[in-house]
Protein backbone atom coordinates (compact mmCIF):
# COMPACT_ATOMS: atom_id res chain seq x y z
CA UNK A 1 0.00 0.00 0.00
CA UNK A 2 3.01 2.35 0.32
CA UNK A 3 3.15 2.86 -3.45
CA UNK A 4 -0.42 4.18 -3.35
CA UNK A 5 0.63 6.74 -0.73
CA UNK A 6 3.64 7.68 -2.85
CA UNK A 7 1.45 8.11 -5.92
CA UNK A 8 -1.05 10.25 -4.03
CA UNK A 9 1.64 12.54 -2.60
CA UNK A 10 3.46 12.79 -5.91
CA UNK A 11 0.31 13.61 -7.87
CA UNK A 12 -0.77 16.26 -5.35
CA UNK A 13 2.64 18.01 -5.53
CA UNK A 14 3.21 17.77 -9.27
CA UNK A 15 2.43 20.07 -12.14
CA UNK A 16 -0.84 19.39 -13.94
CA UNK A 17 0.88 17.80 -16.99
CA UNK A 18 1.70 14.45 -15.37
CA UNK A 19 3.24 11.80 -17.63
CA UNK A 20 3.44 8.89 -15.16
CA UNK A 21 0.99 6.05 -15.48
CA UNK A 22 0.23 3.00 -13.33
CA UNK A 23 2.94 0.90 -15.03
CA UNK A 24 5.58 3.35 -13.79
CA UNK A 25 4.67 2.55 -10.20
CA UNK A 26 5.44 -1.15 -10.53
CA UNK A 27 9.11 -0.37 -9.83
CA UNK A 28 8.08 1.43 -6.62
CA UNK A 29 6.29 -1.50 -5.01
CA UNK A 30 7.61 -2.00 -1.48
CA UNK A 31 9.02 1.54 -1.23
CA UNK A 32 7.98 4.03 1.44
CA UNK A 33 7.87 7.80 1.09
CA UNK A 34 10.66 9.03 3.34
CA UNK A 35 10.84 12.73 2.47
CA UNK A 36 9.22 15.36 0.30
CA UNK A 37 11.65 18.19 -0.40
CA UNK A 38 13.11 20.13 -3.34
CA UNK A 39 16.33 20.10 -5.29
CA UNK A 40 18.57 22.91 -4.01
CA UNK A 41 18.84 25.05 -7.17
CA UNK A 42 19.04 23.87 -10.78
CA UNK A 43 18.32 20.26 -11.64
CA UNK A 44 19.83 19.12 -14.92
CA UNK A 45 18.94 15.46 -14.72
CA UNK A 46 21.09 12.56 -13.61
CA UNK A 47 24.22 10.88 -14.81
CA UNK A 48 26.05 8.17 -12.91
CA UNK A 49 27.57 9.40 -9.61
CA UNK A 50 26.31 12.99 -10.08
CA UNK A 51 25.51 14.51 -6.68
CA UNK A 52 22.11 16.11 -6.18
CA UNK A 53 21.79 18.41 -3.16
CA UNK A 54 18.33 18.63 -1.63
CA UNK A 55 16.90 21.54 0.37
CA UNK A 56 16.43 19.31 3.43
CA UNK A 57 20.25 18.94 3.61
CA UNK A 58 20.45 15.46 2.09
CA UNK A 59 22.76 14.70 -0.81
CA UNK A 60 21.96 11.85 -3.17
CA UNK A 61 24.12 10.30 -5.88
CA UNK A 62 22.52 9.36 -9.20
CA UNK A 63 22.68 5.71 -10.24
CA UNK A 64 20.79 6.20 -13.52
CA UNK A 65 20.97 8.54 -16.49
CA UNK A 66 18.30 10.94 -17.73
CA UNK A 67 18.44 14.59 -18.82
CA UNK A 68 15.77 16.92 -17.50
CA UNK A 69 15.98 20.59 -16.57
CA UNK A 70 13.97 22.29 -13.83
CA UNK A 71 14.68 24.88 -11.17
CA UNK A 72 14.21 23.56 -7.61
CA UNK A 73 11.72 20.82 -8.55
CA UNK A 74 9.87 18.91 -5.85
CA UNK A 75 11.45 15.56 -4.97
CA UNK A 76 9.74 12.57 -3.37
CA UNK A 77 12.44 10.38 -1.80
CA UNK A 78 11.40 6.75 -1.38
CA UNK A 79 13.24 4.01 0.48
CA UNK A 80 13.05 0.23 0.61
CA UNK A 81 14.76 -1.76 3.38
CA UNK A 82 16.73 -4.41 1.48
CA UNK A 83 17.96 -6.08 4.68
CA UNK A 84 21.58 -5.02 4.26
CA UNK A 85 20.88 -1.37 3.54
CA UNK A 86 18.27 0.81 1.93
CA UNK A 87 17.45 1.10 -1.74
CA UNK A 88 16.58 4.68 -2.66
CA UNK A 89 14.53 6.13 -5.49
CA UNK A 90 13.70 9.76 -6.14
CA UNK A 91 10.72 10.97 -8.12
CA UNK A 92 11.54 14.32 -9.71
CA UNK A 93 8.84 15.79 -11.93
CA UNK A 94 7.65 12.73 -13.88
CA UNK A 95 10.88 10.71 -13.79
CA UNK A 96 12.00 8.00 -11.36
CA UNK A 97 15.71 7.86 -10.50
CA UNK A 98 17.77 5.22 -8.66
CA UNK A 99 19.89 6.96 -6.02
CA UNK A 100 22.41 6.33 -3.25
CA UNK A 101 22.87 8.49 -0.16
CA UNK A 102 26.05 10.52 0.29
CA UNK A 103 27.34 10.75 3.87
CA UNK A 104 27.82 14.27 5.19
PDB file of N, CA and C in Angstrom:
ATOM      1  N   UNK A   1       0.813  -1.204   0.000  1.00  0.00           N
ATOM      2  CA  UNK A   1       0.000   0.000   0.000  1.00  0.00           C
ATOM      3  C   UNK A   1       0.855   1.267   0.000  1.00  0.00           C
ATOM      4  N   UNK A   2       2.153   1.167   0.297  1.00  0.00           N
ATOM      5  CA  UNK A   2       3.008   2.346   0.324  1.00  0.00           C
ATOM      6  C   UNK A   2       3.111   3.027  -1.033  1.00  0.00           C
ATOM      7  N   UNK A   3       3.066   2.259  -2.124  1.00  0.00           N
ATOM      8  CA  UNK A   3       3.149   2.855  -3.453  1.00  0.00           C
ATOM      9  C   UNK A   3       1.918   3.697  -3.757  1.00  0.00           C
ATOM     10  N   UNK A   4       0.772   3.363  -3.167  1.00  0.00           N
ATOM     11  CA  UNK A   4      -0.420   4.183  -3.351  1.00  0.00           C
ATOM     12  C   UNK A   4      -0.231   5.521  -2.654  1.00  0.00           C
ATOM     13  N   UNK A   5       0.334   5.498  -1.450  1.00  0.00           N
ATOM     14  CA  UNK A   5       0.628   6.739  -0.729  1.00  0.00           C
ATOM     15  C   UNK A   5       1.612   7.584  -1.522  1.00  0.00           C
ATOM     16  N   UNK A   6       2.645   6.960  -2.058  1.00  0.00           N
ATOM     17  CA  UNK A   6       3.638   7.684  -2.854  1.00  0.00           C
ATOM     18  C   UNK A   6       2.988   8.321  -4.070  1.00  0.00           C
ATOM     19  N   UNK A   7       2.132   7.586  -4.734  1.00  0.00           N
ATOM     20  CA  UNK A   7       1.455   8.110  -5.921  1.00  0.00           C
ATOM     21  C   UNK A   7       0.569   9.292  -5.562  1.00  0.00           C
ATOM     22  N   UNK A   8      -0.165   9.177  -4.462  1.00  0.00           N
ATOM     23  CA  UNK A   8      -1.055  10.253  -4.032  1.00  0.00           C
ATOM     24  C   UNK A   8      -0.268  11.515  -3.709  1.00  0.00           C
ATOM     25  N   UNK A   9       0.814  11.382  -2.961  1.00  0.00           N
ATOM     26  CA  UNK A   9       1.636  12.543  -2.604  1.00  0.00           C
ATOM     27  C   UNK A   9       2.256  13.140  -3.849  1.00  0.00           C
ATOM     28  N   UNK A  10       2.794  12.290  -4.706  1.00  0.00           N
ATOM     29  CA  UNK A  10       3.456  12.786  -5.909  1.00  0.00           C
ATOM     30  C   UNK A  10       2.474  13.532  -6.800  1.00  0.00           C
ATOM     31  N   UNK A  11       1.301  12.982  -7.005  1.00  0.00           N
ATOM     32  CA  UNK A  11       0.313  13.613  -7.865  1.00  0.00           C
ATOM     33  C   UNK A  11      -0.132  14.939  -7.286  1.00  0.00           C
ATOM     34  N   UNK A  12      -0.299  15.020  -5.978  1.00  0.00           N
ATOM     35  CA  UNK A  12      -0.767  16.258  -5.355  1.00  0.00           C
ATOM     36  C   UNK A  12       0.292  17.357  -5.385  1.00  0.00           C
ATOM     37  N   UNK A  13       1.574  17.008  -5.515  1.00  0.00           N
ATOM     38  CA  UNK A  13       2.637  18.007  -5.527  1.00  0.00           C
ATOM     39  C   UNK A  13       3.168  18.310  -6.918  1.00  0.00           C
ATOM     40  N   UNK A  14       2.676  17.649  -7.925  1.00  0.00           N
ATOM     41  CA  UNK A  14       3.211  17.773  -9.272  1.00  0.00           C
ATOM     42  C   UNK A  14       2.446  18.789 -10.089  1.00  0.00           C
ATOM     43  N   UNK A  15       3.080  19.186 -11.183  1.00  0.00           N
ATOM     44  CA  UNK A  15       2.430  20.066 -12.143  1.00  0.00           C
ATOM     45  C   UNK A  15       1.271  19.325 -12.803  1.00  0.00           C
ATOM     46  N   UNK A  16       0.316  20.032 -13.358  1.00  0.00           N
ATOM     47  CA  UNK A  16      -0.845  19.388 -13.941  1.00  0.00           C
ATOM     48  C   UNK A  16      -0.523  18.427 -15.094  1.00  0.00           C
ATOM     49  N   UNK A  17       0.530  18.651 -15.849  1.00  0.00           N
ATOM     50  CA  UNK A  17       0.875  17.796 -16.989  1.00  0.00           C
ATOM     51  C   UNK A  17       1.698  16.609 -16.506  1.00  0.00           C
ATOM     52  N   UNK A  18       1.043  15.613 -15.952  1.00  0.00           N
ATOM     53  CA  UNK A  18       1.702  14.453 -15.375  1.00  0.00           C
ATOM     54  C   UNK A  18       1.824  13.352 -16.413  1.00  0.00           C
ATOM     55  N   UNK A  19       3.030  12.811 -16.606  1.00  0.00           N
ATOM     56  CA  UNK A  19       3.243  11.795 -17.633  1.00  0.00           C
ATOM     57  C   UNK A  19       3.375  10.386 -17.055  1.00  0.00           C
ATOM     58  N   UNK A  20       3.359  10.226 -15.754  1.00  0.00           N
ATOM     59  CA  UNK A  20       3.436   8.894 -15.163  1.00  0.00           C
ATOM     60  C   UNK A  20       2.115   8.163 -15.335  1.00  0.00           C
ATOM     61  N   UNK A  21       2.199   6.851 -15.501  1.00  0.00           N
ATOM     62  CA  UNK A  21       0.989   6.051 -15.478  1.00  0.00           C
ATOM     63  C   UNK A  21       1.190   4.889 -14.516  1.00  0.00           C
ATOM     64  N   UNK A  22       0.187   4.064 -14.345  1.00  0.00           N
ATOM     65  CA  UNK A  22       0.231   2.997 -13.335  1.00  0.00           C
ATOM     66  C   UNK A  22       1.403   2.054 -13.536  1.00  0.00           C
ATOM     67  N   UNK A  23       1.796   1.782 -14.774  1.00  0.00           N
ATOM     68  CA  UNK A  23       2.936   0.897 -15.028  1.00  0.00           C
ATOM     69  C   UNK A  23       4.232   1.430 -14.419  1.00  0.00           C
ATOM     70  N   UNK A  24       4.376   2.762 -14.361  1.00  0.00           N
ATOM     71  CA  UNK A  24       5.581   3.354 -13.787  1.00  0.00           C
ATOM     72  C   UNK A  24       5.732   3.036 -12.306  1.00  0.00           C
ATOM     73  N   UNK A  25       4.615   2.801 -11.632  1.00  0.00           N
ATOM     74  CA  UNK A  25       4.670   2.553 -10.196  1.00  0.00           C
ATOM     75  C   UNK A  25       5.029   1.120  -9.841  1.00  0.00           C
ATOM     76  N   UNK A  26       5.080   0.237 -10.819  1.00  0.00           N
ATOM     77  CA  UNK A  26       5.445  -1.153 -10.532  1.00  0.00           C
ATOM     78  C   UNK A  26       6.856  -1.240  -9.965  1.00  0.00           C
ATOM     79  N   UNK A  27       7.749  -0.346 -10.378  1.00  0.00           N
ATOM     80  CA  UNK A  27       9.105  -0.375  -9.834  1.00  0.00           C
ATOM     81  C   UNK A  27       9.201   0.267  -8.448  1.00  0.00           C
ATOM     82  N   UNK A  28       8.095   0.802  -7.952  1.00  0.00           N
ATOM     83  CA  UNK A  28       8.085   1.425  -6.624  1.00  0.00           C
ATOM     84  C   UNK A  28       7.417   0.551  -5.568  1.00  0.00           C
ATOM     85  N   UNK A  29       6.962  -0.613  -5.964  1.00  0.00           N
ATOM     86  CA  UNK A  29       6.294  -1.500  -5.014  1.00  0.00           C
ATOM     87  C   UNK A  29       7.250  -1.857  -3.879  1.00  0.00           C
ATOM     88  N   UNK A  30       6.791  -1.717  -2.647  1.00  0.00           N
ATOM     89  CA  UNK A  30       7.606  -2.000  -1.477  1.00  0.00           C
ATOM     90  C   UNK A  30       8.356  -0.789  -0.948  1.00  0.00           C
ATOM     91  N   UNK A  31       8.341   0.319  -1.671  1.00  0.00           N
ATOM     92  CA  UNK A  31       9.023   1.540  -1.230  1.00  0.00           C
ATOM     93  C   UNK A  31       8.096   2.369  -0.351  1.00  0.00           C
ATOM     94  N   UNK A  32       8.703   3.143   0.542  1.00  0.00           N
ATOM     95  CA  UNK A  32       7.981   4.027   1.445  1.00  0.00           C
ATOM     96  C   UNK A  32       8.447   5.455   1.203  1.00  0.00           C
ATOM     97  N   UNK A  33       7.503   6.391   1.219  1.00  0.00           N
ATOM     98  CA  UNK A  33       7.868   7.801   1.092  1.00  0.00           C
ATOM     99  C   UNK A  33       8.599   8.206   2.362  1.00  0.00           C
ATOM    100  N   UNK A  34       9.828   8.656   2.206  1.00  0.00           N
ATOM    101  CA  UNK A  34      10.665   9.030   3.338  1.00  0.00           C
ATOM    102  C   UNK A  34      10.753  10.540   3.507  1.00  0.00           C
ATOM    103  N   UNK A  35      10.737  11.269   2.401  1.00  0.00           N
ATOM    104  CA  UNK A  35      10.836  12.730   2.471  1.00  0.00           C
ATOM    105  C   UNK A  35      10.241  13.350   1.219  1.00  0.00           C
ATOM    106  N   UNK A  36       9.646  14.508   1.412  1.00  0.00           N
ATOM    107  CA  UNK A  36       9.224  15.362   0.305  1.00  0.00           C
ATOM    108  C   UNK A  36      10.000  16.654   0.488  1.00  0.00           C
ATOM    109  N   UNK A  37      10.801  17.006  -0.495  1.00  0.00           N
ATOM    110  CA  UNK A  37      11.646  18.186  -0.404  1.00  0.00           C
ATOM    111  C   UNK A  37      11.809  18.763  -1.809  1.00  0.00           C
ATOM    112  N   UNK A  38      12.820  19.558  -2.007  1.00  0.00           N
ATOM    113  CA  UNK A  38      13.105  20.128  -3.335  1.00  0.00           C
ATOM    114  C   UNK A  38      14.598  20.004  -3.615  1.00  0.00           C
ATOM    115  N   UNK A  39      14.933  19.999  -4.895  1.00  0.00           N
ATOM    116  CA  UNK A  39      16.335  20.102  -5.289  1.00  0.00           C
ATOM    117  C   UNK A  39      16.799  21.495  -4.901  1.00  0.00           C
ATOM    118  N   UNK A  40      18.009  21.619  -4.401  1.00  0.00           N
ATOM    119  CA  UNK A  40      18.570  22.913  -4.014  1.00  0.00           C
ATOM    120  C   UNK A  40      19.174  23.573  -5.250  1.00  0.00           C
ATOM    121  N   UNK A  41      18.365  24.349  -5.966  1.00  0.00           N
ATOM    122  CA  UNK A  41      18.840  25.049  -7.165  1.00  0.00           C
ATOM    123  C   UNK A  41      18.448  24.330  -8.443  1.00  0.00           C
ATOM    124  N   UNK A  42      19.302  24.470  -9.470  1.00  0.00           N
ATOM    125  CA  UNK A  42      19.035  23.870 -10.780  1.00  0.00           C
ATOM    126  C   UNK A  42      19.141  22.353 -10.733  1.00  0.00           C
ATOM    127  N   UNK A  43      18.241  21.700 -11.439  1.00  0.00           N
ATOM    128  CA  UNK A  43      18.318  20.256 -11.635  1.00  0.00           C
ATOM    129  C   UNK A  43      18.474  20.020 -13.128  1.00  0.00           C
ATOM    130  N   UNK A  44      19.557  19.379 -13.504  1.00  0.00           N
ATOM    131  CA  UNK A  44      19.834  19.123 -14.918  1.00  0.00           C
ATOM    132  C   UNK A  44      19.887  17.625 -15.190  1.00  0.00           C
ATOM    133  N   UNK A  45      19.017  16.896 -14.526  1.00  0.00           N
ATOM    134  CA  UNK A  45      18.943  15.458 -14.723  1.00  0.00           C
ATOM    135  C   UNK A  45      20.021  14.711 -13.969  1.00  0.00           C
ATOM    136  N   UNK A  46      20.137  13.431 -14.293  1.00  0.00           N
ATOM    137  CA  UNK A  46      21.089  12.557 -13.609  1.00  0.00           C
ATOM    138  C   UNK A  46      22.050  11.932 -14.600  1.00  0.00           C
ATOM    139  N   UNK A  47      23.257  11.751 -14.154  1.00  0.00           N
ATOM    140  CA  UNK A  47      24.223  10.882 -14.813  1.00  0.00           C
ATOM    141  C   UNK A  47      24.932  10.166 -13.679  1.00  0.00           C
ATOM    142  N   UNK A  48      25.502   9.021 -13.964  1.00  0.00           N
ATOM    143  CA  UNK A  48      26.053   8.167 -12.909  1.00  0.00           C
ATOM    144  C   UNK A  48      27.015   8.925 -11.994  1.00  0.00           C
ATOM    145  N   UNK A  49      26.778   8.812 -10.691  1.00  0.00           N
ATOM    146  CA  UNK A  49      27.572   9.401  -9.607  1.00  0.00           C
ATOM    147  C   UNK A  49      27.439  10.924  -9.475  1.00  0.00           C
ATOM    148  N   UNK A  50      26.551  11.554 -10.229  1.00  0.00           N
ATOM    149  CA  UNK A  50      26.313  12.993 -10.076  1.00  0.00           C
ATOM    150  C   UNK A  50      25.622  13.219  -8.745  1.00  0.00           C
ATOM    151  N   UNK A  51      26.076  14.202  -7.992  1.00  0.00           N
ATOM    152  CA  UNK A  51      25.509  14.512  -6.684  1.00  0.00           C
ATOM    153  C   UNK A  51      24.375  15.526  -6.841  1.00  0.00           C
ATOM    154  N   UNK A  52      23.270  15.233  -6.178  1.00  0.00           N
ATOM    155  CA  UNK A  52      22.105  16.110  -6.185  1.00  0.00           C
ATOM    156  C   UNK A  52      21.863  16.560  -4.753  1.00  0.00           C
ATOM    157  N   UNK A  53      22.013  17.859  -4.501  1.00  0.00           N
ATOM    158  CA  UNK A  53      21.788  18.413  -3.162  1.00  0.00           C
ATOM    159  C   UNK A  53      20.314  18.776  -3.023  1.00  0.00           C
ATOM    160  N   UNK A  54      19.724  18.352  -1.907  1.00  0.00           N
ATOM    161  CA  UNK A  54      18.327  18.635  -1.628  1.00  0.00           C
ATOM    162  C   UNK A  54      18.202  19.725  -0.570  1.00  0.00           C
ATOM    163  N   UNK A  55      17.090  20.443  -0.576  1.00  0.00           N
ATOM    164  CA  UNK A  55      16.897  21.541   0.368  1.00  0.00           C
ATOM    165  C   UNK A  55      16.788  21.078   1.812  1.00  0.00           C
ATOM    166  N   UNK A  56      16.497  19.802   2.049  1.00  0.00           N
ATOM    167  CA  UNK A  56      16.433  19.310   3.431  1.00  0.00           C
ATOM    168  C   UNK A  56      17.826  18.960   3.969  1.00  0.00           C
ATOM    169  N   UNK A  57      18.875  19.197   3.174  1.00  0.00           N
ATOM    170  CA  UNK A  57      20.249  18.943   3.608  1.00  0.00           C
ATOM    171  C   UNK A  57      20.809  17.613   3.127  1.00  0.00           C
ATOM    172  N   UNK A  58      19.982  16.742   2.594  1.00  0.00           N
ATOM    173  CA  UNK A  58      20.455  15.456   2.093  1.00  0.00           C
ATOM    174  C   UNK A  58      21.174  15.645   0.765  1.00  0.00           C
ATOM    175  N   UNK A  59      22.101  14.742   0.495  1.00  0.00           N
ATOM    176  CA  UNK A  59      22.763  14.701  -0.814  1.00  0.00           C
ATOM    177  C   UNK A  59      22.632  13.278  -1.332  1.00  0.00           C
ATOM    178  N   UNK A  60      22.123  13.156  -2.543  1.00  0.00           N
ATOM    179  CA  UNK A  60      21.956  11.850  -3.174  1.00  0.00           C
ATOM    180  C   UNK A  60      22.861  11.762  -4.399  1.00  0.00           C
ATOM    181  N   UNK A  61      23.280  10.560  -4.710  1.00  0.00           N
ATOM    182  CA  UNK A  61      24.121  10.304  -5.876  1.00  0.00           C
ATOM    183  C   UNK A  61      23.309   9.516  -6.898  1.00  0.00           C
ATOM    184  N   UNK A  62      23.270  10.003  -8.127  1.00  0.00           N
ATOM    185  CA  UNK A  62      22.516   9.357  -9.197  1.00  0.00           C
ATOM    186  C   UNK A  62      23.130   8.007  -9.559  1.00  0.00           C
ATOM    187  N   UNK A  63      22.259   7.038  -9.792  1.00  0.00           N
ATOM    188  CA  UNK A  63      22.676   5.714 -10.239  1.00  0.00           C
ATOM    189  C   UNK A  63      22.042   5.366 -11.586  1.00  0.00           C
ATOM    190  N   UNK A  64      21.405   6.354 -12.207  1.00  0.00           N
ATOM    191  CA  UNK A  64      20.791   6.205 -13.520  1.00  0.00           C
ATOM    192  C   UNK A  64      21.085   7.448 -14.336  1.00  0.00           C
ATOM    193  N   UNK A  65      20.741   7.395 -15.615  1.00  0.00           N
ATOM    194  CA  UNK A  65      20.966   8.542 -16.492  1.00  0.00           C
ATOM    195  C   UNK A  65      19.643   9.003 -17.091  1.00  0.00           C
ATOM    196  N   UNK A  66      19.427  10.319 -17.052  1.00  0.00           N
ATOM    197  CA  UNK A  66      18.302  10.945 -17.733  1.00  0.00           C
ATOM    198  C   UNK A  66      18.507  12.448 -17.681  1.00  0.00           C
ATOM    199  N   UNK A  67      18.342  13.133 -18.819  1.00  0.00           N
ATOM    200  CA  UNK A  67      18.442  14.586 -18.817  1.00  0.00           C
ATOM    201  C   UNK A  67      17.062  15.189 -18.629  1.00  0.00           C
ATOM    202  N   UNK A  68      17.002  16.171 -17.746  1.00  0.00           N
ATOM    203  CA  UNK A  68      15.769  16.917 -17.505  1.00  0.00           C
ATOM    204  C   UNK A  68      16.168  18.205 -16.804  1.00  0.00           C
ATOM    205  N   UNK A  69      15.654  19.339 -17.237  1.00  0.00           N
ATOM    206  CA  UNK A  69      15.977  20.591 -16.574  1.00  0.00           C
ATOM    207  C   UNK A  69      14.754  21.139 -15.849  1.00  0.00           C
ATOM    208  N   UNK A  70      14.987  21.583 -14.622  1.00  0.00           N
ATOM    209  CA  UNK A  70      13.974  22.290 -13.833  1.00  0.00           C
ATOM    210  C   UNK A  70      14.696  23.051 -12.732  1.00  0.00           C
ATOM    211  N   UNK A  71      14.109  24.144 -12.290  1.00  0.00           N
ATOM    212  CA  UNK A  71      14.679  24.882 -11.172  1.00  0.00           C
ATOM    213  C   UNK A  71      13.950  24.488  -9.897  1.00  0.00           C
ATOM    214  N   UNK A  72      14.704  23.954  -8.935  1.00  0.00           N
ATOM    215  CA  UNK A  72      14.210  23.563  -7.613  1.00  0.00           C
ATOM    216  C   UNK A  72      12.936  22.720  -7.679  1.00  0.00           C
ATOM    217  N   UNK A  73      12.934  21.652  -8.479  1.00  0.00           N
ATOM    218  CA  UNK A  73      11.722  20.822  -8.547  1.00  0.00           C
ATOM    219  C   UNK A  73      11.491  20.067  -7.239  1.00  0.00           C
ATOM    220  N   UNK A  74      10.234  19.729  -7.001  1.00  0.00           N
ATOM    221  CA  UNK A  74       9.874  18.910  -5.848  1.00  0.00           C
ATOM    222  C   UNK A  74      10.416  17.502  -6.043  1.00  0.00           C
ATOM    223  N   UNK A  75      10.890  16.910  -4.945  1.00  0.00           N
ATOM    224  CA  UNK A  75      11.447  15.562  -4.966  1.00  0.00           C
ATOM    225  C   UNK A  75      10.732  14.721  -3.912  1.00  0.00           C
ATOM    226  N   UNK A  76      10.251  13.563  -4.326  1.00  0.00           N
ATOM    227  CA  UNK A  76       9.739  12.569  -3.375  1.00  0.00           C
ATOM    228  C   UNK A  76      10.838  11.522  -3.252  1.00  0.00           C
ATOM    229  N   UNK A  77      11.396  11.371  -2.048  1.00  0.00           N
ATOM    230  CA  UNK A  77      12.440  10.377  -1.799  1.00  0.00           C
ATOM    231  C   UNK A  77      11.765   9.155  -1.200  1.00  0.00           C
ATOM    232  N   UNK A  78      11.994   8.006  -1.826  1.00  0.00           N
ATOM    233  CA  UNK A  78      11.399   6.751  -1.376  1.00  0.00           C
ATOM    234  C   UNK A  78      12.503   5.777  -1.007  1.00  0.00           C
ATOM    235  N   UNK A  79      12.253   4.987   0.031  1.00  0.00           N
ATOM    236  CA  UNK A  79      13.244   4.005   0.481  1.00  0.00           C
ATOM    237  C   UNK A  79      12.609   2.624   0.588  1.00  0.00           C
ATOM    238  N   UNK A  80      13.465   1.610   0.474  1.00  0.00           N
ATOM    239  CA  UNK A  80      13.046   0.228   0.610  1.00  0.00           C
ATOM    240  C   UNK A  80      14.139  -0.490   1.387  1.00  0.00           C
ATOM    241  N   UNK A  81      13.792  -1.045   2.546  1.00  0.00           N
ATOM    242  CA  UNK A  81      14.764  -1.760   3.376  1.00  0.00           C
ATOM    243  C   UNK A  81      15.088  -3.092   2.715  1.00  0.00           C
ATOM    244  N   UNK A  82      16.297  -3.201   2.189  1.00  0.00           N
ATOM    245  CA  UNK A  82      16.734  -4.408   1.484  1.00  0.00           C
ATOM    246  C   UNK A  82      17.397  -5.411   2.419  1.00  0.00           C
ATOM    247  N   UNK A  83      17.370  -5.155   3.713  1.00  0.00           N
ATOM    248  CA  UNK A  83      17.956  -6.076   4.683  1.00  0.00           C
ATOM    249  C   UNK A  83      19.404  -5.767   5.007  1.00  0.00           C
ATOM    250  N   UNK A  84      20.176  -5.367   4.035  1.00  0.00           N
ATOM    251  CA  UNK A  84      21.579  -5.021   4.261  1.00  0.00           C
ATOM    252  C   UNK A  84      21.842  -3.558   3.883  1.00  0.00           C
ATOM    253  N   UNK A  85      20.802  -2.788   3.899  1.00  0.00           N
ATOM    254  CA  UNK A  85      20.878  -1.374   3.544  1.00  0.00           C
ATOM    255  C   UNK A  85      19.610  -0.967   2.808  1.00  0.00           C
ATOM    256  N   UNK A  86      19.473   0.295   2.579  1.00  0.00           N
ATOM    257  CA  UNK A  86      18.272   0.809   1.934  1.00  0.00           C
ATOM    258  C   UNK A  86      18.503   1.060   0.452  1.00  0.00           C
ATOM    259  N   UNK A  87      17.496   0.714  -0.348  1.00  0.00           N
ATOM    260  CA  UNK A  87      17.455   1.102  -1.743  1.00  0.00           C
ATOM    261  C   UNK A  87      16.719   2.432  -1.786  1.00  0.00           C
ATOM    262  N   UNK A  88      17.174   3.343  -2.614  1.00  0.00           N
ATOM    263  CA  UNK A  88      16.580   4.675  -2.659  1.00  0.00           C
ATOM    264  C   UNK A  88      16.189   5.020  -4.086  1.00  0.00           C
ATOM    265  N   UNK A  89      14.996   5.587  -4.223  1.00  0.00           N
ATOM    266  CA  UNK A  89      14.529   6.130  -5.487  1.00  0.00           C
ATOM    267  C   UNK A  89      14.056   7.545  -5.228  1.00  0.00           C
ATOM    268  N   UNK A  90      14.203   8.390  -6.221  1.00  0.00           N
ATOM    269  CA  UNK A  90      13.698   9.756  -6.138  1.00  0.00           C
ATOM    270  C   UNK A  90      12.789   9.993  -7.327  1.00  0.00           C
ATOM    271  N   UNK A  91      11.620  10.560  -7.058  1.00  0.00           N
ATOM    272  CA  UNK A  91      10.721  10.969  -8.124  1.00  0.00           C
ATOM    273  C   UNK A  91      10.878  12.479  -8.260  1.00  0.00           C
ATOM    274  N   UNK A  92      11.345  12.893  -9.424  1.00  0.00           N
ATOM    275  CA  UNK A  92      11.542  14.316  -9.708  1.00  0.00           C
ATOM    276  C   UNK A  92      10.759  14.612 -10.982  1.00  0.00           C
ATOM    277  N   UNK A  93       9.806  15.534 -10.864  1.00  0.00           N
ATOM    278  CA  UNK A  93       8.838  15.786 -11.930  1.00  0.00           C
ATOM    279  C   UNK A  93       8.205  14.447 -12.308  1.00  0.00           C
ATOM    280  N   UNK A  94       8.296  13.988 -13.531  1.00  0.00           N
ATOM    281  CA  UNK A  94       7.647  12.728 -13.881  1.00  0.00           C
ATOM    282  C   UNK A  94       8.648  11.606 -14.172  1.00  0.00           C
ATOM    283  N   UNK A  95       9.842  11.723 -13.588  1.00  0.00           N
ATOM    284  CA  UNK A  95      10.880  10.713 -13.787  1.00  0.00           C
ATOM    285  C   UNK A  95      11.255  10.055 -12.463  1.00  0.00           C
ATOM    286  N   UNK A  96      11.573   8.762 -12.530  1.00  0.00           N
ATOM    287  CA  UNK A  96      11.995   7.998 -11.358  1.00  0.00           C
ATOM    288  C   UNK A  96      13.479   7.689 -11.498  1.00  0.00           C
ATOM    289  N   UNK A  97      14.259   8.022 -10.472  1.00  0.00           N
ATOM    290  CA  UNK A  97      15.712   7.857 -10.503  1.00  0.00           C
ATOM    291  C   UNK A  97      16.153   6.918  -9.390  1.00  0.00           C
ATOM    292  N   UNK A  98      17.094   6.021  -9.698  1.00  0.00           N
ATOM    293  CA  UNK A  98      17.767   5.224  -8.660  1.00  0.00           C
ATOM    294  C   UNK A  98      18.850   6.104  -8.056  1.00  0.00           C
ATOM    295  N   UNK A  99      18.948   6.088  -6.730  1.00  0.00           N
ATOM    296  CA  UNK A  99      19.892   6.964  -6.024  1.00  0.00           C
ATOM    297  C   UNK A  99      20.624   6.187  -4.942  1.00  0.00           C
ATOM    298  N   UNK A 100      21.707   6.787  -4.453  1.00  0.00           N
ATOM    299  CA  UNK A 100      22.410   6.335  -3.254  1.00  0.00           C
ATOM    300  C   UNK A 100      22.646   7.558  -2.378  1.00  0.00           C
ATOM    301  N   UNK A 101      22.611   7.363  -1.056  1.00  0.00           N
ATOM    302  CA  UNK A 101      22.870   8.495  -0.164  1.00  0.00           C
ATOM    303  C   UNK A 101      24.360   8.818  -0.131  1.00  0.00           C
ATOM    304  N   UNK A 102      24.674  10.072   0.098  1.00  0.00           N
ATOM    305  CA  UNK A 102      26.052  10.519   0.287  1.00  0.00           C
ATOM    306  C   UNK A 102      26.169  10.953   1.741  1.00  0.00           C
ATOM    307  N   UNK A 103      27.138  10.390   2.461  1.00  0.00           N
ATOM    308  CA  UNK A 103      27.341  10.751   3.874  1.00  0.00           C
ATOM    309  C   UNK A 103      27.842  12.179   3.951  1.00  0.00           C
ATOM    310  N   UNK A 104      27.408  12.860   4.987  1.00  0.00           N
ATOM    311  CA  UNK A 104      27.821  14.273   5.187  1.00  0.00           C
ATOM    312  C   UNK A 104      29.253  14.345   5.659  1.00  0.00           C
TER     313      UNK A 104
END
